[in-house]
Amino acid sequence: MKRLSIVAILLLVGCTKVQQPVATAVIARPAPADPTPTGIAYLCDGRKEVSVVYAKNRASVTLEGRTWRMEYQPTDSGFRYVEAAYEWVGRDDLASLRESGTAKPIAFNCRPQRRTT
């Protein structure tokens, strides 16, 4: 009986599938000077969704029905778009919408989810 239990367990272990990681497509931001409008939807902490349309050194950033028109500002690393009171900043596939000056986050840990245009 003990042998039968061990064999059954080994058979079950051998039949289980090893889950492969799901490959996700990289959604790259366009170069700042690219004139073609490119929209990207980001999902942030707290399930906030930020939609951004990039085109020709500008970004239109929309959160909860409010849109900010921002200008690109060169940085040593990452990216930065600013307007009078807010900024859209980040690097690679992680971004934040925050108040300029205080850096108080409005939406943070934002990751690209899909293209919108």
PDB file of N, CA and C in Angstrom:
ATOM      1  N   MET A   1       0.830  -1.193   0.000  1.00  0.00           N
ATOM      2  CA  MET A   1       0.000   0.000   0.000  1.00  0.00           C
ATOM      3  C   MET A   1       0.872   1.254   0.000  1.00  0.00           C
ATOM      4  N   LYS A   2       1.946   1.221   0.799  1.00  0.00           N
ATOM      5  CA  LYS A   2       2.837   2.368   0.890  1.00  0.00           C
ATOM      6  C   LYS A   2       3.490   2.622  -0.470  1.00  0.00           C
ATOM      7  N   ARG A   3       3.895   1.545  -1.161  1.00  0.00           N
ATOM      8  CA  ARG A   3       4.509   1.684  -2.478  1.00  0.00           C
ATOM      9  C   ARG A   3       3.521   2.286  -3.472  1.00  0.00           C
ATOM     10  N   LEU A   4       2.295   1.866  -3.422  1.00  0.00           N
ATOM     11  CA  LEU A   4       1.277   2.365  -4.329  1.00  0.00           C
ATOM     12  C   LEU A   4       1.071   3.869  -4.120  1.00  0.00           C
ATOM     13  N   SER A   5       1.073   4.330  -2.865  1.00  0.00           N
ATOM     14  CA  SER A   5       0.912   5.759  -2.564  1.00  0.00           C
ATOM     15  C   SER A   5       2.075   6.556  -3.125  1.00  0.00           C
ATOM     16  N   ILE A   6       3.282   6.049  -2.957  1.00  0.00           N
ATOM     17  CA  ILE A   6       4.467   6.748  -3.456  1.00  0.00           C
ATOM     18  C   ILE A   6       4.427   6.821  -4.972  1.00  0.00           C
ATOM     19  N   VAL A   7       4.068   5.742  -5.624  1.00  0.00           N
ATOM     20  CA  VAL A   7       3.979   5.722  -7.087  1.00  0.00           C
ATOM     21  C   VAL A   7       2.913   6.708  -7.565  1.00  0.00           C
ATOM     22  N   ALA A   8       1.778   6.753  -6.895  1.00  0.00           N
ATOM     23  CA  ALA A   8       0.701   7.675  -7.272  1.00  0.00           C
ATOM     24  C   ALA A   8       1.165   9.119  -7.144  1.00  0.00           C
ATOM     25  N   ILE A   9       1.871   9.427  -6.084  1.00  0.00           N
ATOM     26  CA  ILE A   9       2.370  10.790  -5.883  1.00  0.00           C
ATOM     27  C   ILE A   9       3.376  11.147  -6.967  1.00  0.00           C
ATOM     28  N   LEU A  10       4.284  10.234  -7.268  1.00  0.00           N
ATOM     29  CA  LEU A  10       5.270  10.499  -8.308  1.00  0.00           C
ATOM     30  C   LEU A  10       4.618  10.710  -9.670  1.00  0.00           C
ATOM     31  N   LEU A  11       3.585   9.937  -9.956  1.00  0.00           N
ATOM     32  CA  LEU A  11       2.878  10.116 -11.209  1.00  0.00           C
ATOM     33  C   LEU A  11       2.191  11.480 -11.275  1.00  0.00           C
ATOM     34  N   LEU A  12       1.590  11.886 -10.174  1.00  0.00           N
ATOM     35  CA  LEU A  12       0.926  13.192 -10.145  1.00  0.00           C
ATOM     36  C   LEU A  12       1.932  14.321 -10.312  1.00  0.00           C
ATOM     37  N   VAL A  13       3.066  14.213  -9.646  1.00  0.00           N
ATOM     38  CA  VAL A  13       4.098  15.238  -9.761  1.00  0.00           C
ATOM     39  C   VAL A  13       4.607  15.298 -11.196  1.00  0.00           C
ATOM     40  N   GLY A  14       4.783  14.160 -11.812  1.00  0.00           N
ATOM     41  CA  GLY A  14       5.259  14.118 -13.188  1.00  0.00           C
ATOM     42  C   GLY A  14       4.264  14.670 -14.181  1.00  0.00           C
ATOM     43  N   CYS A  15       2.994  14.686 -13.847  1.00  0.00           N
ATOM     44  CA  CYS A  15       1.955  15.153 -14.763  1.00  0.00           C
ATOM     45  C   CYS A  15       1.676  16.648 -14.633  1.00  0.00           C
ATOM     46  N   THR A  16       2.162  17.280 -13.596  1.00  0.00           N
ATOM     47  CA  THR A  16       1.868  18.697 -13.432  1.00  0.00           C
ATOM     48  C   THR A  16       2.683  19.509 -14.429  1.00  0.00           C
ATOM     49  N   LYS A  17       2.064  20.543 -14.939  1.00  0.00           N
ATOM     50  CA  LYS A  17       2.727  21.417 -15.900  1.00  0.00           C
ATOM     51  C   LYS A  17       3.515  22.475 -15.151  1.00  0.00           C
ATOM     52  N   VAL A  18       4.660  22.769 -15.686  1.00  0.00           N
ATOM     53  CA  VAL A  18       5.429  23.890 -15.175  1.00  0.00           C
ATOM     54  C   VAL A  18       4.958  25.108 -15.944  1.00  0.00           C
ATOM     55  N   GLN A  19       4.493  26.114 -15.212  1.00  0.00           N
ATOM     56  CA  GLN A  19       4.002  27.302 -15.880  1.00  0.00           C
ATOM     57  C   GLN A  19       5.168  28.117 -16.397  1.00  0.00           C
ATOM     58  N   GLN A  20       5.086  28.452 -17.656  1.00  0.00           N
ATOM     59  CA  GLN A  20       6.086  29.302 -18.276  1.00  0.00           C
ATOM     60  C   GLN A  20       5.687  30.753 -18.036  1.00  0.00           C
ATOM     61  N   PRO A  21       6.661  31.633 -17.830  1.00  0.00           N
ATOM     62  CA  PRO A  21       6.315  33.042 -17.660  1.00  0.00           C
ATOM     63  C   PRO A  21       5.631  33.569 -18.919  1.00  0.00           C
ATOM     64  N   VAL A  22       4.654  34.420 -18.709  1.00  0.00           N
ATOM     65  CA  VAL A  22       3.930  35.006 -19.831  1.00  0.00           C
ATOM     66  C   VAL A  22       4.795  36.113 -20.416  1.00  0.00           C
ATOM     67  N   ALA A  23       5.056  36.016 -21.688  1.00  0.00           N
ATOM     68  CA  ALA A  23       5.858  37.041 -22.355  1.00  0.00           C
ATOM     69  C   ALA A  23       4.977  38.257 -22.610  1.00  0.00           C
ATOM     70  N   THR A  24       5.428  39.402 -22.163  1.00  0.00           N
ATOM     71  CA  THR A  24       4.674  40.620 -22.399  1.00  0.00           C
ATOM     72  C   THR A  24       5.431  41.466 -23.401  1.00  0.00           C
ATOM     73  N   ALA A  25       4.705  42.054 -24.302  1.00  0.00           N
ATOM     74  CA  ALA A  25       5.318  42.909 -25.311  1.00  0.00           C
ATOM     75  C   ALA A  25       5.750  44.210 -24.655  1.00  0.00           C
ATOM     76  N   VAL A  26       6.910  44.654 -25.015  1.00  0.00           N
ATOM     77  CA  VAL A  26       7.417  45.919 -24.497  1.00  0.00           C
ATOM     78  C   VAL A  26       6.715  47.050 -25.246  1.00  0.00           C
ATOM     79  N   ILE A  27       6.191  47.994 -24.501  1.00  0.00           N
ATOM     80  CA  ILE A  27       5.530  49.153 -25.106  1.00  0.00           C
ATOM     81  C   ILE A  27       6.442  50.344 -24.882  1.00  0.00           C
ATOM     82  N   ALA A  28       7.180  50.679 -25.907  1.00  0.00           N
ATOM     83  CA  ALA A  28       8.174  51.741 -25.791  1.00  0.00           C
ATOM     84  C   ALA A  28       7.561  53.105 -26.059  1.00  0.00           C
ATOM     85  N   ARG A  29       8.038  54.077 -25.312  1.00  0.00           N
ATOM     86  CA  ARG A  29       7.680  55.463 -25.569  1.00  0.00           C
ATOM     87  C   ARG A  29       8.385  55.897 -26.847  1.00  0.00           C
ATOM     88  N   PRO A  30       7.767  56.760 -27.642  1.00  0.00           N
ATOM     89  CA  PRO A  30       8.453  57.259 -28.830  1.00  0.00           C
ATOM     90  C   PRO A  30       9.557  58.246 -28.441  1.00  0.00           C
ATOM     91  N   ALA A  31      10.462  58.479 -29.348  1.00  0.00           N
ATOM     92  CA  ALA A  31      11.493  59.501 -29.123  1.00  0.00           C
ATOM     93  C   ALA A  31      10.797  60.850 -28.962  1.00  0.00           C
ATOM     94  N   PRO A  32      11.324  61.725 -28.109  1.00  0.00           N
ATOM     95  CA  PRO A  32      10.647  63.013 -27.875  1.00  0.00           C
ATOM     96  C   PRO A  32      10.365  63.813 -29.143  1.00  0.00           C
ATOM     97  N   ALA A  33      11.266  63.807 -30.102  1.00  0.00           N
ATOM     98  CA  ALA A  33      11.090  64.609 -31.317  1.00  0.00           C
ATOM     99  C   ALA A  33      10.211  63.940 -32.362  1.00  0.00           C
ATOM    100  N   ASP A  34       9.744  62.731 -32.139  1.00  0.00           N
ATOM    101  CA  ASP A  34       8.902  62.013 -33.109  1.00  0.00           C
ATOM    102  C   ASP A  34       7.604  62.795 -33.319  1.00  0.00           C
ATOM    103  N   PRO A  35       7.298  63.188 -34.560  1.00  0.00           N
ATOM    104  CA  PRO A  35       6.094  63.985 -34.797  1.00  0.00           C
ATOM    105  C   PRO A  35       4.799  63.175 -34.842  1.00  0.00           C
ATOM    106  N   THR A  36       4.892  61.858 -34.967  1.00  0.00           N
ATOM    107  CA  THR A  36       3.704  61.022 -35.059  1.00  0.00           C
ATOM    108  C   THR A  36       3.077  60.822 -33.684  1.00  0.00           C
ATOM    109  N   PRO A  37       1.816  61.213 -33.483  1.00  0.00           N
ATOM    110  CA  PRO A  37       1.179  61.010 -32.176  1.00  0.00           C
ATOM    111  C   PRO A  37       1.122  59.521 -31.813  1.00  0.00           C
ATOM    112  N   THR A  38       1.551  59.220 -30.595  1.00  0.00           N
ATOM    113  CA  THR A  38       1.539  57.853 -30.084  1.00  0.00           C
ATOM    114  C   THR A  38       0.893  57.859 -28.714  1.00  0.00           C
ATOM    115  N   GLY A  39      -0.202  57.124 -28.563  1.00  0.00           N
ATOM    116  CA  GLY A  39      -0.906  57.049 -27.288  1.00  0.00           C
ATOM    117  C   GLY A  39      -0.586  55.766 -26.549  1.00  0.00           C
ATOM    118  N   ILE A  40      -0.385  55.905 -25.245  1.00  0.00           N
ATOM    119  CA  ILE A  40      -0.104  54.752 -24.385  1.00  0.00           C
ATOM    120  C   ILE A  40      -0.936  54.880 -23.119  1.00  0.00           C
ATOM    121  N   ALA A  41      -1.600  53.786 -22.726  1.00  0.00           N
ATOM    122  CA  ALA A  41      -2.356  53.733 -21.468  1.00  0.00           C
ATOM    123  C   ALA A  41      -1.459  53.092 -20.414  1.00  0.00           C
ATOM    124  N   TYR A  42      -1.348  53.739 -19.272  1.00  0.00           N
ATOM    125  CA  TYR A  42      -0.536  53.256 -18.158  1.00  0.00           C
ATOM    126  C   TYR A  42      -1.452  52.860 -17.003  1.00  0.00           C
ATOM    127  N   LEU A  43      -1.092  51.806 -16.291  1.00  0.00           N
ATOM    128  CA  LEU A  43      -1.804  51.414 -15.081  1.00  0.00           C
ATOM    129  C   LEU A  43      -0.876  51.686 -13.903  1.00  0.00           C
ATOM    130  N   CYS A  44      -1.391  52.437 -12.928  1.00  0.00           N
ATOM    131  CA  CYS A  44      -0.585  52.890 -11.792  1.00  0.00           C
ATOM    132  C   CYS A  44      -1.066  52.244 -10.500  1.00  0.00           C
ATOM    133  N   ASP A  45      -0.292  52.424  -9.429  1.00  0.00           N
ATOM    134  CA  ASP A  45      -0.713  51.941  -8.115  1.00  0.00           C
ATOM    135  C   ASP A  45      -2.090  52.522  -7.789  1.00  0.00           C
ATOM    136  N   GLY A  46      -2.894  51.750  -7.080  1.00  0.00           N
ATOM    137  CA  GLY A  46      -4.246  52.180  -6.749  1.00  0.00           C
ATOM    138  C   GLY A  46      -5.202  52.008  -7.921  1.00  0.00           C
ATOM    139  N   ARG A  47      -4.772  51.252  -8.953  1.00  0.00           N
ATOM    140  CA  ARG A  47      -5.579  50.968 -10.146  1.00  0.00           C
ATOM    141  C   ARG A  47      -5.955  52.238 -10.903  1.00  0.00           C
ATOM    142  N   LYS A  48      -5.138  53.294 -10.779  1.00  0.00           N
ATOM    143  CA  LYS A  48      -5.362  54.515 -11.545  1.00  0.00           C
ATOM    144  C   LYS A  48      -4.843  54.302 -12.962  1.00  0.00           C
ATOM    145  N   GLU A  49      -5.588  54.817 -13.935  1.00  0.00           N
ATOM    146  CA  GLU A  49      -5.139  54.726 -15.316  1.00  0.00           C
ATOM    147  C   GLU A  49      -4.811  56.117 -15.840  1.00  0.00           C
ATOM    148  N   VAL A  50      -3.608  56.237 -16.368  1.00  0.00           N
ATOM    149  CA  VAL A  50      -3.144  57.479 -16.976  1.00  0.00           C
ATOM    150  C   VAL A  50      -2.981  57.219 -18.466  1.00  0.00           C
ATOM    151  N   SER A  51      -3.578  58.080 -19.283  1.00  0.00           N
ATOM    152  CA  SER A  51      -3.426  57.987 -20.738  1.00  0.00           C
ATOM    153  C   SER A  51      -2.521  59.119 -21.190  1.00  0.00           C
ATOM    154  N   VAL A  52      -1.554  58.779 -22.021  1.00  0.00           N
ATOM    155  CA  VAL A  52      -0.602  59.783 -22.498  1.00  0.00           C
ATOM    156  C   VAL A  52      -0.513  59.689 -24.015  1.00  0.00           C
ATOM    157  N   VAL A  53      -0.578  60.853 -24.662  1.00  0.00           N
ATOM    158  CA  VAL A  53      -0.327  60.933 -26.099  1.00  0.00           C
ATOM    159  C   VAL A  53       0.940  61.759 -26.271  1.00  0.00           C
ATOM    160  N   TYR A  54       1.966  61.115 -26.840  1.00  0.00           N
ATOM    161  CA  TYR A  54       3.248  61.759 -27.092  1.00  0.00           C
ATOM    162  C   TYR A  54       3.304  62.219 -28.540  1.00  0.00           C
ATOM    163  N   ALA A  55       3.838  63.422 -28.798  1.00  0.00           N
ATOM    164  CA  ALA A  55       4.060  63.907 -30.164  1.00  0.00           C
ATOM    165  C   ALA A  55       4.909  65.166 -30.130  1.00  0.00           C
ATOM    166  N   LYS A  56       5.968  65.162 -30.905  1.00  0.00           N
ATOM    167  CA  LYS A  56       6.811  66.347 -31.143  1.00  0.00           C
ATOM    168  C   LYS A  56       7.146  67.142 -29.876  1.00  0.00           C
ATOM    169  N   ASN A  57       7.883  66.525 -28.964  1.00  0.00           N
ATOM    170  CA  ASN A  57       8.357  67.165 -27.729  1.00  0.00           C
ATOM    171  C   ASN A  57       7.240  67.598 -26.783  1.00  0.00           C
ATOM    172  N   ARG A  58       6.083  66.950 -26.897  1.00  0.00           N
ATOM    173  CA  ARG A  58       4.954  67.252 -26.017  1.00  0.00           C
ATOM    174  C   ARG A  58       4.286  65.958 -25.575  1.00  0.00           C
ATOM    175  N   ALA A  59       3.568  66.053 -24.468  1.00  0.00           N
ATOM    176  CA  ALA A  59       2.767  64.936 -23.987  1.00  0.00           C
ATOM    177  C   ALA A  59       1.463  65.491 -23.434  1.00  0.00           C
ATOM    178  N   SER A  60       0.350  64.886 -23.835  1.00  0.00           N
ATOM    179  CA  SER A  60      -0.952  65.207 -23.246  1.00  0.00           C
ATOM    180  C   SER A  60      -1.243  64.078 -22.275  1.00  0.00           C
ATOM    181  N   VAL A  61      -1.251  64.418 -20.989  1.00  0.00           N
ATOM    182  CA  VAL A  61      -1.390  63.430 -19.919  1.00  0.00           C
ATOM    183  C   VAL A  61      -2.786  63.564 -19.316  1.00  0.00           C
ATOM    184  N   THR A  62      -3.561  62.465 -19.313  1.00  0.00           N
ATOM    185  CA  THR A  62      -4.944  62.496 -18.822  1.00  0.00           C
ATOM    186  C   THR A  62      -5.119  61.519 -17.671  1.00  0.00           C
ATOM    187  N   LEU A  63      -5.682  62.014 -16.581  1.00  0.00           N
ATOM    188  CA  LEU A  63      -6.005  61.208 -15.402  1.00  0.00           C
ATOM    189  C   LEU A  63      -7.370  61.644 -14.901  1.00  0.00           C
ATOM    190  N   GLU A  64      -8.286  60.689 -14.783  1.00  0.00           N
ATOM    191  CA  GLU A  64      -9.618  60.928 -14.216  1.00  0.00           C
ATOM    192  C   GLU A  64     -10.308  62.142 -14.844  1.00  0.00           C
ATOM    193  N   GLY A  65     -10.262  62.226 -16.180  1.00  0.00           N
ATOM    194  CA  GLY A  65     -10.958  63.283 -16.897  1.00  0.00           C
ATOM    195  C   GLY A  65     -10.237  64.612 -16.971  1.00  0.00           C
ATOM    196  N   ARG A  66      -9.086  64.726 -16.367  1.00  0.00           N
ATOM    197  CA  ARG A  66      -8.323  65.968 -16.398  1.00  0.00           C
ATOM    198  C   ARG A  66      -7.094  65.766 -17.275  1.00  0.00           C
ATOM    199  N   THR A  67      -6.824  66.724 -18.172  1.00  0.00           N
ATOM    200  CA  THR A  67      -5.695  66.616 -19.093  1.00  0.00           C
ATOM    201  C   THR A  67      -4.731  67.771 -18.894  1.00  0.00           C
ATOM    202  N   TRP A  68      -3.456  67.430 -18.885  1.00  0.00           N
ATOM    203  CA  TRP A  68      -2.380  68.410 -18.807  1.00  0.00           C
ATOM    204  C   TRP A  68      -1.574  68.345 -20.096  1.00  0.00           C
ATOM    205  N   ARG A  69      -1.260  69.492 -20.675  1.00  0.00           N
ATOM    206  CA  ARG A  69      -0.418  69.573 -21.866  1.00  0.00           C
ATOM    207  C   ARG A  69       0.990  69.933 -21.400  1.00  0.00           C
ATOM    208  N   MET A  70       1.916  69.038 -21.620  1.00  0.00           N
ATOM    209  CA  MET A  70       3.259  69.189 -21.070  1.00  0.00           C
ATOM    210  C   MET A  70       4.318  69.259 -22.161  1.00  0.00           C
ATOM    211  N   GLU A  71       5.414  69.918 -21.845  1.00  0.00           N
ATOM    212  CA  GLU A  71       6.553  70.075 -22.755  1.00  0.00           C
ATOM    213  C   GLU A  71       7.698  69.185 -22.286  1.00  0.00           C
ATOM    214  N   TYR A  72       8.403  68.605 -23.229  1.00  0.00           N
ATOM    215  CA  TYR A  72       9.553  67.751 -22.923  1.00  0.00           C
ATOM    216  C   TYR A  72      10.706  68.592 -22.375  1.00  0.00           C
ATOM    217  N   GLN A  73      11.358  68.097 -21.333  1.00  0.00           N
ATOM    218  CA  GLN A  73      12.540  68.717 -20.746  1.00  0.00           C
ATOM    219  C   GLN A  73      13.654  67.665 -20.720  1.00  0.00           C
ATOM    220  N   PRO A  74      14.772  67.921 -21.378  1.00  0.00           N
ATOM    221  CA  PRO A  74      15.867  66.941 -21.364  1.00  0.00           C
ATOM    222  C   PRO A  74      16.349  66.670 -19.932  1.00  0.00           C
ATOM    223  N   THR A  75      16.704  65.416 -19.677  1.00  0.00           N
ATOM    224  CA  THR A  75      17.239  65.006 -18.377  1.00  0.00           C
ATOM    225  C   THR A  75      18.450  64.118 -18.600  1.00  0.00           C
ATOM    226  N   ASP A  76      19.223  63.916 -17.535  1.00  0.00           N
ATOM    227  CA  ASP A  76      20.390  63.043 -17.629  1.00  0.00           C
ATOM    228  C   ASP A  76      19.986  61.588 -17.829  1.00  0.00           C
ATOM    229  N   SER A  77      18.860  61.199 -17.223  1.00  0.00           N
ATOM    230  CA  SER A  77      18.370  59.825 -17.378  1.00  0.00           C
ATOM    231  C   SER A  77      16.857  59.837 -17.378  1.00  0.00           C
ATOM    232  N   GLY A  78      16.268  58.932 -18.099  1.00  0.00           N
ATOM    233  CA  GLY A  78      14.815  58.842 -18.129  1.00  0.00           C
ATOM    234  C   GLY A  78      14.188  59.918 -18.983  1.00  0.00           C
ATOM    235  N   PHE A  79      12.970  60.333 -18.595  1.00  0.00           N
ATOM    236  CA  PHE A  79      12.243  61.359 -19.345  1.00  0.00           C
ATOM    237  C   PHE A  79      11.509  62.273 -18.377  1.00  0.00           C
ATOM    238  N   ARG A  80      11.171  63.470 -18.880  1.00  0.00           N
ATOM    239  CA  ARG A  80      10.464  64.442 -18.050  1.00  0.00           C
ATOM    240  C   ARG A  80       9.674  65.381 -18.955  1.00  0.00           C
ATOM    241  N   TYR A  81       8.364  65.451 -18.706  1.00  0.00           N
ATOM    242  CA  TYR A  81       7.477  66.392 -19.388  1.00  0.00           C
ATOM    243  C   TYR A  81       6.861  67.262 -18.300  1.00  0.00           C
ATOM    244  N   VAL A  82       6.839  68.587 -18.495  1.00  0.00           N
ATOM    245  CA  VAL A  82       6.369  69.494 -17.444  1.00  0.00           C
ATOM    246  C   VAL A  82       5.378  70.522 -17.981  1.00  0.00           C
ATOM    247  N   GLU A  83       4.558  71.015 -17.069  1.00  0.00           N
ATOM    248  CA  GLU A  83       3.724  72.200 -17.279  1.00  0.00           C
ATOM    249  C   GLU A  83       3.801  72.986 -15.987  1.00  0.00           C
ATOM    250  N   ALA A  84       3.030  74.017 -15.829  1.00  0.00           N
ATOM    251  CA  ALA A  84       3.176  74.917 -14.684  1.00  0.00           C
ATOM    252  C   ALA A  84       3.174  74.218 -13.326  1.00  0.00           C
ATOM    253  N   ALA A  85       2.250  73.300 -13.083  1.00  0.00           N
ATOM    254  CA  ALA A  85       2.117  72.725 -11.742  1.00  0.00           C
ATOM    255  C   ALA A  85       2.366  71.221 -11.654  1.00  0.00           C
ATOM    256  N   TYR A  86       2.470  70.528 -12.799  1.00  0.00           N
ATOM    257  CA  TYR A  86       2.603  69.067 -12.767  1.00  0.00           C
ATOM    258  C   TYR A  86       3.699  68.595 -13.713  1.00  0.00           C
ATOM    259  N   GLU A  87       4.159  67.378 -13.484  1.00  0.00           N
ATOM    260  CA  GLU A  87       5.154  66.776 -14.367  1.00  0.00           C
ATOM    261  C   GLU A  87       4.917  65.278 -14.502  1.00  0.00           C
ATOM    262  N   TRP A  88       5.246  64.757 -15.674  1.00  0.00           N
ATOM    263  CA  TRP A  88       5.180  63.333 -15.997  1.00  0.00           C
ATOM    264  C   TRP A  88       6.627  62.893 -16.141  1.00  0.00           C
ATOM    265  N   VAL A  89       7.105  62.066 -15.211  1.00  0.00           N
ATOM    266  CA  VAL A  89       8.513  61.698 -15.177  1.00  0.00           C
ATOM    267  C   VAL A  89       8.678  60.195 -15.058  1.00  0.00           C
ATOM    268  N   GLY A  90       9.820  59.717 -15.489  1.00  0.00           N
ATOM    269  CA  GLY A  90      10.091  58.294 -15.329  1.00  0.00           C
ATOM    270  C   GLY A  90      11.323  57.849 -16.073  1.00  0.00           C
ATOM    271  N   ARG A  91      11.449  56.523 -16.111  1.00  0.00           N
ATOM    272  CA  ARG A  91      12.550  55.911 -16.853  1.00  0.00           C
ATOM    273  C   ARG A  91      12.128  54.512 -17.228  1.00  0.00           C
ATOM    274  N   ASP A  92      12.586  54.079 -18.374  1.00  0.00           N
ATOM    275  CA  ASP A  92      12.253  52.759 -18.907  1.00  0.00           C
ATOM    276  C   ASP A  92      10.735  52.572 -18.938  1.00  0.00           C
ATOM    277  N   ASP A  93      10.210  51.599 -18.190  1.00  0.00           N
ATOM    278  CA  ASP A  93       8.762  51.330 -18.229  1.00  0.00           C
ATOM    279  C   ASP A  93       8.071  51.693 -16.912  1.00  0.00           C
ATOM    280  N   LEU A  94       8.599  52.676 -16.203  1.00  0.00           N
ATOM    281  CA  LEU A  94       8.017  53.099 -14.931  1.00  0.00           C
ATOM    282  C   LEU A  94       7.927  54.624 -14.907  1.00  0.00           C
ATOM    283  N   ALA A  95       6.728  55.160 -14.607  1.00  0.00           N
ATOM    284  CA  ALA A  95       6.521  56.607 -14.643  1.00  0.00           C
ATOM    285  C   ALA A  95       5.648  57.057 -13.482  1.00  0.00           C
ATOM    286  N   SER A  96       5.626  58.389 -13.267  1.00  0.00           N
ATOM    287  CA  SER A  96       4.792  58.992 -12.219  1.00  0.00           C
ATOM    288  C   SER A  96       4.290  60.350 -12.682  1.00  0.00           C
ATOM    289  N   LEU A  97       3.068  60.666 -12.284  1.00  0.00           N
ATOM    290  CA  LEU A  97       2.515  62.004 -12.453  1.00  0.00           C
ATOM    291  C   LEU A  97       2.598  62.637 -11.080  1.00  0.00           C
ATOM    292  N   ARG A  98       3.243  63.799 -10.997  1.00  0.00           N
ATOM    293  CA  ARG A  98       3.419  64.421  -9.687  1.00  0.00           C
ATOM    294  C   ARG A  98       3.394  65.933  -9.801  1.00  0.00           C
ATOM    295  N   GLU A  99       3.216  66.578  -8.650  1.00  0.00           N
ATOM    296  CA  GLU A  99       3.237  68.030  -8.599  1.00  0.00           C
ATOM    297  C   GLU A  99       4.668  68.504  -8.818  1.00  0.00           C
ATOM    298  N   SER A 100       4.828  69.548  -9.617  1.00  0.00           N
ATOM    299  CA  SER A 100       6.157  70.123  -9.811  1.00  0.00           C
ATOM    300  C   SER A 100       6.597  70.807  -8.524  1.00  0.00           C
ATOM    301  N   GLY A 101       7.849  70.802  -8.259  1.00  0.00           N
ATOM    302  CA  GLY A 101       8.383  71.464  -7.068  1.00  0.00           C
ATOM    303  C   GLY A 101       8.341  70.590  -5.836  1.00  0.00           C
ATOM    304  N   THR A 102       7.163  70.115  -5.436  1.00  0.00           N
ATOM    305  CA  THR A 102       7.057  69.301  -4.226  1.00  0.00           C
ATOM    306  C   THR A 102       7.270  67.818  -4.501  1.00  0.00           C
ATOM    307  N   ALA A 103       7.102  67.420  -5.746  1.00  0.00           N
ATOM    308  CA  ALA A 103       7.197  66.010  -6.166  1.00  0.00           C
ATOM    309  C   ALA A 103       6.124  65.137  -5.508  1.00  0.00           C
ATOM    310  N   LYS A 104       5.046  65.754  -5.019  1.00  0.00           N
ATOM    311  CA  LYS A 104       3.941  64.995  -4.426  1.00  0.00           C
ATOM    312  C   LYS A 104       3.295  64.137  -5.513  1.00  0.00           C
ATOM    313  N   PRO A 105       3.251  62.814  -5.317  1.00  0.00           N
ATOM    314  CA  PRO A 105       2.709  61.946  -6.371  1.00  0.00           C
ATOM    315  C   PRO A 105       1.185  62.048  -6.500  1.00  0.00           C
ATOM    316  N   ILE A 106       0.741  62.114  -7.743  1.00  0.00           N
ATOM    317  CA  ILE A 106      -0.679  62.083  -8.064  1.00  0.00           C
ATOM    318  C   ILE A 106      -1.030  60.666  -8.532  1.00  0.00           C
ATOM    319  N   ALA A 107      -0.163  60.094  -9.373  1.00  0.00           N
ATOM    320  CA  ALA A 107      -0.252  58.705  -9.829  1.00  0.00           C
ATOM    321  C   ALA A 107       1.184  58.199  -9.917  1.00  0.00           C
ATOM    322  N   PHE A 108       1.461  57.050  -9.294  1.00  0.00           N
ATOM    323  CA  PHE A 108       2.843  56.581  -9.244  1.00  0.00           C
ATOM    324  C   PHE A 108       2.940  55.098  -9.565  1.00  0.00           C
ATOM    325  N   ASN A 109       4.177  54.681  -9.851  1.00  0.00           N
ATOM    326  CA  ASN A 109       4.447  53.294 -10.291  1.00  0.00           C
ATOM    327  C   ASN A 109       3.573  52.947 -11.490  1.00  0.00           C
ATOM    328  N   CYS A 110       3.538  53.837 -12.460  1.00  0.00           N
ATOM    329  CA  CYS A 110       2.720  53.652 -13.665  1.00  0.00           C
ATOM    330  C   CYS A 110       3.522  52.833 -14.684  1.00  0.00           C
ATOM    331  N   ARG A 111       2.877  51.784 -15.185  1.00  0.00           N
ATOM    332  CA  ARG A 111       3.517  50.904 -16.182  1.00  0.00           C
ATOM    333  C   ARG A 111       2.653  50.861 -17.441  1.00  0.00           C
ATOM    334  N   PRO A 112       3.296  50.908 -18.611  1.00  0.00           N
ATOM    335  CA  PRO A 112       2.531  50.872 -19.854  1.00  0.00           C
ATOM    336  C   PRO A 112       1.773  49.563 -20.003  1.00  0.00           C
ATOM    337  N   GLN A 113       0.498  49.662 -20.413  1.00  0.00           N
ATOM    338  CA  GLN A 113      -0.352  48.478 -20.568  1.00  0.00           C
ATOM    339  C   GLN A 113      -0.710  48.197 -22.019  1.00  0.00           C
ATOM    340  N   ARG A 114      -0.977  49.274 -22.780  1.00  0.00           N
ATOM    341  CA  ARG A 114      -1.385  49.070 -24.159  1.00  0.00           C
ATOM    342  C   ARG A 114      -1.239  50.387 -24.942  1.00  0.00           C
ATOM    343  N   ARG A 115      -1.158  50.261 -26.243  1.00  0.00           N
ATOM    344  CA  ARG A 115      -1.169  51.436 -27.109  1.00  0.00           C
ATOM    345  C   ARG A 115      -2.616  51.869 -27.319  1.00  0.00           C
ATOM    346  N   THR A 116      -2.835  53.162 -27.408  1.00  0.00           N
ATOM    347  CA  THR A 116      -4.187  53.669 -27.622  1.00  0.00           C
ATOM    348  C   THR A 116      -4.330  54.334 -28.989  1.00  0.00           C
ATOM    349  N   THR A 117      -3.240  54.615 -29.673  1.00  0.00           N
ATOM    350  CA  THR A 117      -3.314  55.167 -31.045  1.00  0.00           C
ATOM    351  C   THR A 117      -2.301  54.469 -31.915  1.00  0.00           C
TER     352      THR A 117
END
